[in-house]
Amino acid sequence: MTQVLVIGAHGKIALLAERLLVEEGQAVTGVVRNPDHADDVRATGAAVAVADVEHLDTAALTELVSGFDTVVWSAGAGGGSPERTYAVDRDAAIRTVDAAAAAGVQHVVMVSYFGAGPDHGVPSDNSFFAYAEAKTAADAHLEAAPVGWTILRPSTLTDGPEGGIAADDAEGREVSRATVARVVATVVAERAAATGRVITFNDGDQDVARVVTGG
């Protein structure tokens, strides 16, 4: 049984992933900022920790993640001001990576997005620029950190049914949140095969487990 901490536990992907992880026998705790969201997380079978990761320093985050084998980062500012986007999607994510390394966490799973990277191509005057920059910085920090990691880069999210994936498919345009949740759960279960990999994907006909394990 893996001890899993999901940060951003009330998000749509996170709620689906938590249920899958619990069903697969993992011990899951979800971190929420708003205590009003705790019951929704508990309904998945996960335990709940209430913490505002945007405002926790690295020492407090180290305490939060201590004792867990895997940390899944699925938090985000959800749009709004560039300042808050940088504060959550970049700065809090980076502090969490540092905390995970300090606490001896074995695996950090970062839910990023399809176009992240230094060549994301989003113009500086585009409202999406802050998010692209923030996720790119967080991903790069994780890749360089002294901790096992997997970065997930799904494309445009939909509420469609769970299905297969098309890995590294630049022509794809979307993927269901249910499928992303399945990828998260599979990456947690197949940590050895998934560690050190950036998995970029859309909806497709490839089996999730085979892509994650390289089978």
Protein backbone atom coordinates (compact mmCIF):
# COMPACT_ATOMS: atom_id res chain seq x y z
CA MET A 1 0.00 0.00 0.00
CA THR A 2 1.32 3.40 -1.04
CA GLN A 3 0.75 6.44 1.16
CA VAL A 4 -0.44 9.09 -1.31
CA LEU A 5 -0.96 12.81 -0.69
CA VAL A 6 -3.03 14.64 -3.32
CA ILE A 7 -2.63 18.43 -3.27
CA GLY A 8 -5.53 20.23 -4.89
CA ALA A 9 -7.80 17.39 -3.86
CA HIS A 10 -11.11 19.05 -4.71
CA GLY A 11 -10.30 19.55 -8.38
CA LYS A 12 -12.25 17.52 -10.93
CA ILE A 13 -9.29 15.35 -11.93
CA ALA A 14 -8.18 14.93 -8.33
CA LEU A 15 -11.58 13.75 -7.10
CA LEU A 16 -11.71 11.13 -9.84
CA ALA A 17 -8.11 10.06 -9.19
CA GLU A 18 -8.65 9.78 -5.45
CA ARG A 19 -11.54 7.38 -5.95
CA LEU A 20 -9.45 5.24 -8.31
CA LEU A 21 -6.48 5.23 -5.95
CA VAL A 22 -8.64 4.18 -3.00
CA GLU A 23 -10.29 1.45 -5.09
CA GLU A 24 -6.82 0.15 -5.93
CA GLY A 25 -5.93 -0.12 -2.25
CA GLN A 26 -3.77 2.98 -1.83
CA ALA A 27 -3.94 5.02 1.38
CA VAL A 28 -4.96 8.46 0.14
CA THR A 29 -5.10 11.85 1.85
CA GLY A 30 -6.39 14.87 -0.02
CA VAL A 31 -5.29 18.42 0.77
CA VAL A 32 -7.94 21.13 0.44
CA ARG A 33 -7.77 24.83 1.19
CA ASN A 34 -11.49 25.22 1.88
CA PRO A 35 -12.83 23.05 4.71
CA ASP A 36 -16.25 23.14 3.04
CA HIS A 37 -14.79 20.84 0.39
CA ALA A 38 -13.68 18.18 2.85
CA ASP A 39 -16.83 16.05 2.62
CA ASP A 40 -16.53 15.78 -1.17
CA VAL A 41 -13.02 14.43 -0.77
CA ARG A 42 -14.04 12.04 2.00
CA ALA A 43 -16.78 10.70 -0.29
CA THR A 44 -14.02 9.29 -2.52
CA GLY A 45 -12.72 7.25 0.40
CA ALA A 46 -9.75 9.53 1.01
CA ALA A 47 -8.78 11.18 4.28
CA VAL A 48 -8.58 14.98 4.36
CA ALA A 49 -5.97 17.53 5.42
CA VAL A 50 -6.94 21.21 5.38
CA ALA A 51 -4.03 23.45 4.39
CA ASP A 52 -3.52 26.51 2.21
CA VAL A 53 -0.41 25.54 0.26
CA GLU A 54 -0.25 28.96 -1.38
CA HIS A 55 0.73 30.48 1.95
CA LEU A 56 2.76 27.68 3.56
CA ASP A 57 6.53 28.05 3.57
CA THR A 58 8.85 25.17 2.70
CA ALA A 59 9.21 24.09 6.33
CA ALA A 60 5.44 23.85 6.80
CA LEU A 61 5.06 22.03 3.50
CA THR A 62 7.78 19.60 4.55
CA GLU A 63 5.74 18.79 7.63
CA LEU A 64 2.62 18.38 5.47
CA VAL A 65 4.19 15.88 3.05
CA SER A 66 6.25 13.95 5.61
CA GLY A 67 5.33 10.28 5.89
CA PHE A 68 3.96 9.99 2.37
CA ASP A 69 5.48 7.86 -0.36
CA THR A 70 3.95 9.82 -3.25
CA VAL A 71 2.79 13.41 -3.61
CA VAL A 72 0.45 14.28 -6.47
CA TRP A 73 0.37 17.98 -7.35
CA SER A 74 -3.01 18.74 -8.92
CA ALA A 75 -3.52 22.23 -7.49
CA GLY A 76 -3.88 25.43 -9.47
CA ALA A 77 -5.05 28.99 -9.20
CA GLY A 78 -7.74 28.32 -11.78
CA GLY A 79 -7.14 31.48 -13.76
CA GLY A 80 -7.66 34.96 -12.42
CA SER A 81 -4.76 37.27 -11.75
CA PRO A 82 -1.27 36.48 -13.07
CA GLU A 83 0.05 37.19 -9.56
CA ARG A 84 -1.99 34.36 -8.04
CA THR A 85 -1.20 32.06 -10.94
CA TYR A 86 2.51 32.53 -10.27
CA ALA A 87 1.94 32.20 -6.52
CA VAL A 88 0.17 28.83 -6.79
CA ASP A 89 1.14 27.16 -10.06
CA ARG A 90 4.81 28.15 -9.86
CA ASP A 91 5.90 29.21 -6.38
CA ALA A 92 3.80 26.87 -4.21
CA ALA A 93 4.52 23.98 -6.57
CA ILE A 94 8.25 24.64 -6.38
CA ARG A 95 8.17 24.86 -2.57
CA THR A 96 6.26 21.58 -2.49
CA VAL A 97 8.89 19.89 -4.64
CA ASP A 98 11.60 21.15 -2.28
CA ALA A 99 9.56 19.97 0.69
CA ALA A 100 9.10 16.53 -0.84
CA ALA A 101 12.84 16.21 -1.37
CA ALA A 102 13.53 17.31 2.21
CA ALA A 103 10.95 14.89 3.61
CA GLY A 104 12.22 11.88 1.70
CA VAL A 105 9.13 11.49 -0.47
CA GLN A 106 9.88 8.87 -3.12
CA HIS A 107 7.75 10.16 -5.99
CA VAL A 108 6.23 13.48 -7.02
CA VAL A 109 3.58 13.39 -9.75
CA MET A 110 3.04 16.79 -11.36
CA VAL A 111 -0.13 17.40 -13.36
CA SER A 112 1.00 19.94 -15.92
CA TYR A 113 -0.37 20.72 -19.39
CA PHE A 114 0.35 19.67 -22.96
CA GLY A 115 2.31 22.72 -24.13
CA ALA A 116 4.49 23.35 -21.09
CA GLY A 117 8.18 23.92 -21.72
CA PRO A 118 10.56 26.72 -22.69
CA ASP A 119 9.11 26.62 -26.22
CA HIS A 120 5.47 26.89 -25.09
CA GLY A 121 4.95 29.67 -27.62
CA VAL A 122 2.33 31.64 -25.69
CA PRO A 123 2.76 35.40 -26.36
CA SER A 124 3.42 37.59 -23.35
CA ASP A 125 0.27 39.61 -24.04
CA ASN A 126 -1.92 36.48 -23.98
CA SER A 127 -3.97 35.85 -20.83
CA PHE A 128 -2.62 32.26 -20.78
CA PHE A 129 1.02 33.43 -20.62
CA ALA A 130 1.31 33.45 -16.82
CA TYR A 131 0.00 29.88 -16.61
CA ALA A 132 2.34 28.67 -19.35
CA GLU A 133 5.32 30.31 -17.66
CA ALA A 134 4.33 29.07 -14.20
CA LYS A 135 3.86 25.45 -15.25
CA THR A 136 7.06 25.50 -17.29
CA ALA A 137 9.03 26.75 -14.29
CA ALA A 138 7.47 24.22 -11.91
CA ASP A 139 8.12 21.33 -14.29
CA ALA A 140 11.74 22.35 -14.81
CA HIS A 141 12.30 22.64 -11.07
CA LEU A 142 10.87 19.17 -10.52
CA GLU A 143 13.01 17.63 -13.25
CA ALA A 144 16.13 19.03 -11.55
CA ALA A 145 15.10 18.09 -8.00
CA PRO A 146 16.67 15.24 -5.99
CA VAL A 147 13.41 13.29 -5.89
CA GLY A 148 11.70 10.73 -8.11
CA TRP A 149 9.25 12.43 -10.43
CA THR A 150 6.72 12.02 -13.23
CA ILE A 151 5.27 14.95 -15.18
CA LEU A 152 1.88 14.52 -16.86
CA ARG A 153 0.99 16.83 -19.74
CA PRO A 154 -2.60 16.27 -20.87
CA SER A 155 -4.14 18.42 -23.57
CA THR A 156 -7.45 20.33 -23.40
CA LEU A 157 -9.64 18.74 -20.74
CA THR A 158 -13.17 17.48 -21.32
CA ASP A 159 -15.82 15.75 -19.23
CA GLY A 160 -16.00 12.76 -21.56
CA PRO A 161 -15.75 9.12 -20.52
CA GLU A 162 -12.53 7.36 -19.56
CA GLY A 163 -10.67 5.85 -22.47
CA GLY A 164 -7.27 5.17 -23.92
CA ILE A 165 -4.60 7.72 -24.73
CA ALA A 166 -2.46 8.84 -27.62
CA ALA A 167 0.96 9.53 -26.16
CA ASP A 168 3.11 12.29 -27.67
CA ASP A 169 0.39 13.03 -30.25
CA ALA A 170 0.89 16.61 -31.40
CA GLU A 171 -2.23 16.41 -33.56
CA GLY A 172 -4.59 15.64 -30.70
CA ARG A 173 -6.66 18.35 -29.12
CA GLU A 174 -8.35 17.00 -26.00
CA VAL A 175 -8.50 14.34 -23.32
CA SER A 176 -11.14 13.55 -20.72
CA ARG A 177 -10.54 14.29 -17.06
CA ALA A 178 -11.53 10.69 -16.33
CA THR A 179 -8.69 9.47 -18.53
CA VAL A 180 -6.23 11.85 -16.88
CA ALA A 181 -7.32 10.50 -13.50
CA ARG A 182 -6.64 6.96 -14.73
CA VAL A 183 -3.17 8.03 -15.86
CA VAL A 184 -2.51 9.54 -12.42
CA ALA A 185 -3.61 6.37 -10.64
CA THR A 186 -1.57 4.18 -12.97
CA VAL A 187 1.56 6.30 -12.56
CA VAL A 188 1.23 6.04 -8.77
CA ALA A 189 0.82 2.25 -8.96
CA GLU A 190 3.65 1.84 -11.50
CA ARG A 191 6.11 4.20 -9.86
CA ALA A 192 9.24 2.34 -10.92
CA ALA A 193 8.27 2.41 -14.59
CA ALA A 194 6.95 5.97 -14.52
CA THR A 195 9.74 7.71 -12.62
CA GLY A 196 11.80 10.18 -14.62
CA ARG A 197 9.30 10.45 -17.45
CA VAL A 198 7.32 13.27 -19.03
CA ILE A 199 4.10 11.76 -20.38
CA THR A 200 2.36 13.96 -22.93
CA PHE A 201 -1.00 12.66 -24.09
CA ASN A 202 -4.45 13.12 -25.61
CA ASP A 203 -7.42 10.83 -26.00
CA GLY A 204 -6.51 7.86 -28.15
CA ASP A 205 -6.52 4.10 -28.49
CA GLN A 206 -3.34 3.20 -26.58
CA ASP A 207 -3.78 1.35 -23.31
CA VAL A 208 -2.91 3.62 -20.38
CA ALA A 209 -1.07 0.94 -18.42
CA ARG A 210 1.01 -0.07 -21.42
CA VAL A 211 2.04 3.52 -22.10
CA VAL A 212 2.94 4.13 -18.44
CA THR A 213 4.93 0.91 -18.09
CA GLY A 214 6.46 1.11 -21.55
CA GLY A 215 5.01 -2.32 -22.34
